[in-house]
Amino acid sequence: MPLRKIKVLELAGLAPAPFCGMVLADFGATVIRIDRVTTILLIIFCLIALNLEYSQ
């Protein structure tokens, strides 16, 4: 895989981000997706939900 050593941070809410993350993952990149707490979707990427309004 040509991108196996690459890590990509995908921010939810940006229109082309899910497609670009999927393509990069297909080429071997590790894609870390950051979603809003209220919009957690179960997909094949690693998911991290952050609420930046609270320090917990």
N, C-alpha and C. Protein backbone atom coordinates (compact mmCIF):
# COMPACT_ATOMS: atom_id res chain seq x y z
N MET A 1 0.83 -1.19 0.00
CA MET A 1 0.00 0.00 0.00
C MET A 1 0.88 1.25 0.00
N PRO A 2 0.67 2.15 -0.93
CA PRO A 2 1.55 3.31 -1.06
C PRO A 2 1.46 4.32 0.09
N LEU A 3 0.33 4.39 0.79
CA LEU A 3 0.16 5.40 1.85
C LEU A 3 0.15 4.78 3.25
N ARG A 4 0.71 3.60 3.42
CA ARG A 4 0.57 2.89 4.69
C ARG A 4 1.20 3.61 5.88
N LYS A 5 2.17 4.49 5.67
CA LYS A 5 2.83 5.20 6.76
C LYS A 5 2.21 6.58 7.01
N ILE A 6 1.16 6.92 6.28
CA ILE A 6 0.53 8.24 6.39
C ILE A 6 -0.66 8.16 7.34
N LYS A 7 -0.79 9.17 8.23
CA LYS A 7 -1.96 9.29 9.10
C LYS A 7 -2.70 10.55 8.71
N VAL A 8 -4.02 10.44 8.56
CA VAL A 8 -4.86 11.55 8.11
C VAL A 8 -5.87 11.86 9.20
N LEU A 9 -6.04 13.14 9.51
CA LEU A 9 -7.05 13.60 10.46
C LEU A 9 -8.21 14.16 9.67
N GLU A 10 -9.37 13.52 9.79
CA GLU A 10 -10.57 13.93 9.04
C GLU A 10 -11.54 14.62 9.99
N LEU A 11 -11.93 15.84 9.66
CA LEU A 11 -12.87 16.59 10.49
C LEU A 11 -14.26 16.50 9.90
N ALA A 12 -15.22 16.03 10.70
CA ALA A 12 -16.60 15.91 10.23
C ALA A 12 -17.20 17.29 10.00
N GLY A 13 -18.13 17.36 9.08
CA GLY A 13 -18.81 18.61 8.79
C GLY A 13 -18.32 19.27 7.52
N LEU A 14 -17.20 18.87 7.03
CA LEU A 14 -16.69 19.40 5.77
C LEU A 14 -17.14 18.47 4.65
N ALA A 15 -17.73 19.01 3.62
CA ALA A 15 -18.40 18.22 2.58
C ALA A 15 -17.54 17.13 1.94
N PRO A 16 -16.35 17.43 1.41
CA PRO A 16 -15.60 16.39 0.71
C PRO A 16 -14.79 15.47 1.63
N ALA A 17 -14.77 15.75 2.93
CA ALA A 17 -13.92 14.99 3.84
C ALA A 17 -14.21 13.49 3.87
N PRO A 18 -15.47 13.04 3.98
CA PRO A 18 -15.71 11.59 4.03
C PRO A 18 -15.22 10.86 2.78
N PHE A 19 -15.42 11.44 1.63
CA PHE A 19 -14.98 10.79 0.40
C PHE A 19 -13.46 10.75 0.32
N CYS A 20 -12.82 11.85 0.65
CA CYS A 20 -11.35 11.90 0.60
C CYS A 20 -10.75 10.93 1.60
N GLY A 21 -11.32 10.87 2.80
CA GLY A 21 -10.84 9.92 3.80
C GLY A 21 -10.98 8.49 3.34
N MET A 22 -12.08 8.17 2.69
CA MET A 22 -12.31 6.83 2.18
C MET A 22 -11.28 6.47 1.11
N VAL A 23 -11.01 7.40 0.21
CA VAL A 23 -10.04 7.13 -0.86
C VAL A 23 -8.64 6.95 -0.27
N LEU A 24 -8.26 7.81 0.67
CA LEU A 24 -6.95 7.69 1.29
C LEU A 24 -6.82 6.38 2.07
N ALA A 25 -7.90 5.96 2.75
CA ALA A 25 -7.89 4.67 3.46
C ALA A 25 -7.76 3.51 2.48
N ASP A 26 -8.39 3.62 1.33
CA ASP A 26 -8.27 2.57 0.31
C ASP A 26 -6.82 2.41 -0.17
N PHE A 27 -6.05 3.50 -0.13
CA PHE A 27 -4.64 3.44 -0.53
C PHE A 27 -3.71 3.13 0.63
N GLY A 28 -4.27 2.81 1.81
CA GLY A 28 -3.46 2.35 2.93
C GLY A 28 -3.24 3.33 4.05
N ALA A 29 -3.72 4.55 3.95
CA ALA A 29 -3.52 5.54 5.02
C ALA A 29 -4.38 5.19 6.23
N THR A 30 -3.90 5.57 7.41
CA THR A 30 -4.69 5.45 8.62
C THR A 30 -5.50 6.73 8.76
N VAL A 31 -6.83 6.61 8.74
CA VAL A 31 -7.71 7.78 8.79
C VAL A 31 -8.34 7.86 10.17
N ILE A 32 -8.14 8.98 10.85
CA ILE A 32 -8.76 9.24 12.15
C ILE A 32 -9.79 10.32 11.93
N ARG A 33 -11.05 9.97 12.17
CA ARG A 33 -12.15 10.91 11.93
C ARG A 33 -12.61 11.50 13.25
N ILE A 34 -12.76 12.82 13.30
CA ILE A 34 -13.26 13.50 14.49
C ILE A 34 -14.66 14.01 14.17
N ASP A 35 -15.63 13.49 14.92
CA ASP A 35 -17.04 13.86 14.75
C ASP A 35 -17.49 14.75 15.89
N ARG A 36 -18.57 15.46 15.66
CA ARG A 36 -19.25 16.15 16.76
C ARG A 36 -19.91 15.08 17.62
N VAL A 37 -20.11 15.38 18.90
CA VAL A 37 -20.68 14.40 19.82
C VAL A 37 -22.06 13.95 19.37
N THR A 38 -22.85 14.81 18.78
CA THR A 38 -24.22 14.47 18.41
C THR A 38 -24.33 13.72 17.08
N THR A 39 -23.24 13.61 16.34
CA THR A 39 -23.32 12.98 15.02
C THR A 39 -22.34 11.82 14.88
N ILE A 40 -22.36 10.90 15.83
CA ILE A 40 -21.47 9.75 15.76
C ILE A 40 -22.08 8.71 14.82
N LEU A 41 -21.37 8.35 13.79
CA LEU A 41 -21.81 7.34 12.84
C LEU A 41 -20.90 6.13 12.95
N LEU A 42 -21.48 4.94 12.83
CA LEU A 42 -20.67 3.73 12.85
C LEU A 42 -20.21 3.43 11.44
N ILE A 43 -18.94 3.69 11.18
CA ILE A 43 -18.36 3.43 9.88
C ILE A 43 -17.04 2.69 10.07
N ILE A 44 -16.35 2.41 8.99
CA ILE A 44 -15.15 1.60 9.09
C ILE A 44 -13.91 2.36 9.55
N PHE A 45 -14.00 3.67 9.73
CA PHE A 45 -12.87 4.46 10.21
C PHE A 45 -12.82 4.43 11.74
N CYS A 46 -11.71 4.80 12.32
CA CYS A 46 -11.62 4.98 13.76
C CYS A 46 -12.34 6.27 14.12
N LEU A 47 -13.19 6.24 15.15
CA LEU A 47 -13.98 7.41 15.50
C LEU A 47 -13.56 7.98 16.85
N ILE A 48 -13.45 9.28 16.94
CA ILE A 48 -13.21 9.98 18.19
C ILE A 48 -14.20 11.14 18.22
N ALA A 49 -15.05 11.19 19.24
CA ALA A 49 -16.02 12.29 19.36
C ALA A 49 -15.51 13.27 20.41
N LEU A 50 -15.42 14.54 20.04
CA LEU A 50 -14.93 15.57 20.94
C LEU A 50 -15.97 16.66 21.12
N ASN A 51 -16.16 17.07 22.36
CA ASN A 51 -17.00 18.22 22.65
C ASN A 51 -16.07 19.31 23.16
N LEU A 52 -15.74 20.27 22.32
CA LEU A 52 -14.75 21.27 22.66
C LEU A 52 -15.29 22.38 23.55
N GLU A 53 -16.58 22.32 23.89
CA GLU A 53 -17.15 23.33 24.77
C GLU A 53 -16.87 23.04 26.24
N TYR A 54 -16.52 21.81 26.58
CA TYR A 54 -16.28 21.40 27.96
C TYR A 54 -14.87 20.82 28.08
N SER A 55 -14.25 21.02 29.21
CA SER A 55 -12.86 20.58 29.39
C SER A 55 -12.75 19.15 29.91
N GLN A 56 -13.82 18.41 30.01
CA GLN A 56 -13.79 17.05 30.57
C GLN A 56 -13.09 16.08 29.69
